[in-house]
Protein backbone atom coordinates (compact mmCIF):
# COMPACT_ATOMS: atom_id res chain seq x y z
CA MET A 1 -26.60 160.36 -39.14
CA THR A 2 -24.32 162.97 -40.67
CA VAL A 3 -23.98 162.91 -44.44
CA THR A 4 -20.52 163.78 -45.65
CA LYS A 5 -19.02 164.15 -49.10
CA ASN A 6 -16.96 161.05 -48.39
CA ASN A 7 -20.09 159.00 -47.59
CA ILE A 8 -21.83 160.25 -50.73
CA MET A 9 -18.79 159.43 -52.87
CA LYS A 10 -18.53 155.93 -51.36
CA LYS A 11 -22.22 155.30 -52.00
CA SER A 12 -21.94 156.61 -55.56
CA LEU A 13 -18.94 154.36 -56.20
CA LEU A 14 -20.79 151.34 -54.80
CA ILE A 15 -23.82 152.05 -56.98
CA THR A 16 -21.59 152.50 -60.04
CA LEU A 17 -19.79 149.21 -59.38
CA MET A 18 -23.10 147.44 -58.87
CA PHE A 19 -24.41 148.94 -62.11
CA ILE A 20 -21.34 147.72 -64.03
CA SER A 21 -21.62 144.20 -62.64
CA ILE A 22 -25.32 144.16 -63.48
CA GLN A 23 -24.54 145.19 -67.06
CA VAL A 24 -22.41 142.07 -67.34
CA MET A 25 -25.37 140.00 -66.13
CA ASN A 26 -27.69 141.67 -68.65
CA ALA A 27 -27.86 138.73 -71.06
CA GLN A 28 -28.34 136.29 -68.20
CA SER A 29 -31.66 137.37 -66.75
CA ASN A 30 -35.37 136.79 -67.12
CA ILE A 31 -37.44 139.39 -68.98
CA LEU A 32 -40.63 140.93 -67.57
CA ASN A 33 -43.38 142.73 -69.40
CA PRO A 34 -43.85 146.25 -67.97
CA GLU A 35 -47.28 145.25 -66.62
CA GLU A 36 -45.58 142.55 -64.52
CA CYS A 37 -43.71 145.26 -62.61
CA SER A 38 -46.73 145.79 -60.42
CA ILE A 39 -47.16 146.73 -56.79
CA ASN A 40 -50.10 145.27 -54.90
CA GLY A 41 -51.64 144.28 -58.23
CA SER A 42 -51.33 147.67 -59.93
CA ALA A 43 -48.88 148.38 -62.75
CA PHE A 44 -47.47 151.88 -62.22
CA LEU A 45 -44.71 152.24 -64.84
CA GLY A 46 -45.68 154.85 -67.41
CA LYS A 47 -48.95 155.65 -65.65
CA ASN A 48 -50.02 159.18 -64.84
CA VAL A 49 -49.14 160.47 -61.37
CA SER A 50 -52.86 160.84 -60.66
CA PHE A 51 -53.19 157.03 -60.94
CA LEU A 52 -50.42 156.69 -58.35
CA HIS A 53 -52.24 159.03 -55.95
CA GLN A 54 -55.63 157.43 -56.58
CA THR A 55 -54.20 153.96 -55.91
CA LEU A 56 -51.87 154.62 -52.96
CA GLY A 57 -53.16 157.93 -51.66
CA ASN A 58 -51.15 161.12 -51.36
CA PRO A 59 -47.45 160.66 -50.60
CA ASN A 60 -45.93 161.76 -47.31
CA VAL A 61 -43.47 164.00 -49.16
CA ILE A 62 -42.82 165.12 -52.73
CA GLU A 63 -39.36 166.45 -53.54
CA ASP A 64 -37.21 167.13 -56.58
CA TYR A 65 -34.78 164.42 -57.67
CA TYR A 66 -32.18 164.54 -60.46
CA PHE A 67 -31.23 161.44 -62.46
CA GLU A 68 -27.59 162.11 -63.36
CA MET A 69 -27.30 159.24 -65.84
CA ASP A 70 -30.42 160.29 -67.74
CA GLU A 71 -29.90 164.01 -67.07
CA ILE A 72 -33.55 164.49 -66.18
CA THR A 73 -35.30 166.01 -63.20
CA SER A 74 -38.10 164.09 -61.55
CA LYS A 75 -40.41 164.36 -58.60
CA LYS A 76 -39.69 161.87 -55.86
CA HIS A 77 -42.92 160.71 -54.15
CA LEU A 78 -42.16 159.26 -50.72
CA TYR A 79 -44.58 156.79 -49.14
CA ASN A 80 -44.12 154.62 -46.05
CA GLY A 81 -41.99 151.82 -47.46
CA ALA A 82 -41.86 152.90 -51.11
CA THR A 83 -40.55 155.69 -53.30
CA PHE A 84 -41.84 156.56 -56.77
CA TYR A 85 -39.99 158.71 -59.29
CA VAL A 86 -42.22 160.72 -61.62
CA VAL A 87 -40.94 162.28 -64.87
CA ASP A 88 -43.18 164.50 -67.00
CA GLY A 89 -46.21 163.49 -64.93
CA LYS A 90 -45.68 159.72 -65.40
CA VAL A 91 -44.21 157.06 -63.07
CA TYR A 92 -40.68 156.41 -64.31
CA SER A 93 -39.35 154.05 -61.63
CA PHE A 94 -39.83 152.99 -58.02
CA GLU A 95 -38.23 151.39 -54.99
CA ILE A 96 -39.92 149.14 -52.45
CA PHE A 97 -38.33 148.68 -49.03
CA SER A 98 -41.24 147.50 -46.88
CA SER A 99 -43.29 144.31 -46.65
CA ASN A 100 -46.41 146.49 -47.03
CA TYR A 101 -46.06 146.08 -50.80
CA ASN A 102 -46.14 143.00 -53.06
CA PHE A 103 -44.05 143.10 -56.22
CA SER A 104 -45.54 141.46 -59.33
CA ASN A 105 -48.44 139.06 -59.39
CA ASN A 106 -46.08 136.57 -57.75
CA ASN A 107 -46.44 138.50 -54.47
CA ILE A 108 -42.72 138.91 -53.87
CA LYS A 109 -42.22 140.88 -50.66
CA ILE A 110 -39.47 142.44 -48.64
CA GLY A 111 -38.50 139.85 -46.05
CA ASN A 112 -39.05 136.85 -48.36
CA SER A 113 -36.23 134.38 -48.85
CA ILE A 114 -34.50 134.84 -52.21
CA SER A 115 -35.39 131.22 -52.98
CA VAL A 116 -38.86 132.56 -53.88
CA ILE A 117 -37.24 134.23 -56.89
CA ASN A 118 -36.03 130.85 -58.18
CA ASN A 119 -39.65 129.69 -58.48
CA TYR A 120 -40.55 132.51 -60.88
CA TYR A 121 -37.31 133.77 -62.41
CA PRO A 122 -34.86 130.82 -62.46
CA THR A 123 -32.40 132.28 -64.99
CA SER A 124 -32.00 135.51 -63.03
CA PHE A 125 -31.76 133.58 -59.77
CA ALA A 126 -29.05 131.29 -61.15
CA ASN A 127 -27.05 134.33 -62.28
CA ARG A 128 -27.46 136.41 -59.10
CA LYS A 129 -24.39 138.35 -58.11
CA ASP A 130 -23.24 140.90 -55.55
CA SER A 131 -26.40 140.50 -53.42
CA ALA A 132 -28.59 141.38 -56.39
CA ILE A 133 -30.94 139.58 -58.76
CA LYS A 134 -31.61 141.34 -62.07
CA LEU A 135 -34.75 141.17 -64.20
CA ASN A 136 -34.91 142.99 -67.52
CA ILE A 137 -38.06 144.83 -68.57
CA LYS A 138 -39.22 144.19 -72.12
CA ASN A 139 -39.26 147.19 -74.49
CA LEU A 140 -38.05 149.61 -71.81
CA ASP A 141 -34.56 150.86 -71.07
CA ARG A 142 -35.10 149.83 -67.44
CA PHE A 143 -34.51 146.80 -65.26
CA VAL A 144 -35.47 145.48 -61.84
CA ILE A 145 -32.95 144.81 -59.10
CA ILE A 146 -34.01 142.61 -56.21
CA SER A 147 -31.45 143.27 -53.48
CA TYR A 148 -30.89 140.88 -50.62
CA GLU A 149 -28.82 140.38 -47.51
CA ASN A 150 -28.41 137.06 -45.69
CA ASN A 151 -30.62 135.49 -48.42
CA THR A 152 -33.52 137.78 -47.45
CA ILE A 153 -34.99 140.31 -49.90
CA ASP A 154 -34.49 143.82 -48.52
CA LYS A 155 -35.24 146.09 -51.50
CA ILE A 156 -36.80 145.98 -54.96
CA SER A 157 -35.87 148.79 -57.34
CA ILE A 158 -36.26 149.79 -60.96
CA PHE A 159 -33.30 151.45 -62.65
CA SER A 160 -32.65 152.76 -66.15
CA TYR A 161 -29.70 151.82 -68.35
């Protein structure tokens, strides 16, 4: 697949529009404690990168990544089915795109029906929009987006405001 400037611009525009629509939904979502943003039972947000490696093993690839909105450089740790972003040696955010990983103690997985979200996060589920369900994270300037297509969860990501 060839990456062009046009494709990058389209993707950036889509992400920006999704971000704006999610901002509107901000007051209409459930709130998680940071510890609830766990993967396979381990809470990674704010933890040292060594905890990430001890828990999941060494990543397949580590590369630089720049957060334009935050104007910070991070290290992107790529695993099979998940990506972790590390800033100043601590896990800043992550993305899950494989059923190899459970999100939260509610065992939400890629491939689940979005109706599972209604059982645990009914306010966010009721206010879902643009193929996304938003969950705020208490005391952090970050939030969870559970993306779906055809009512099936296909990605779980943490973003910053």
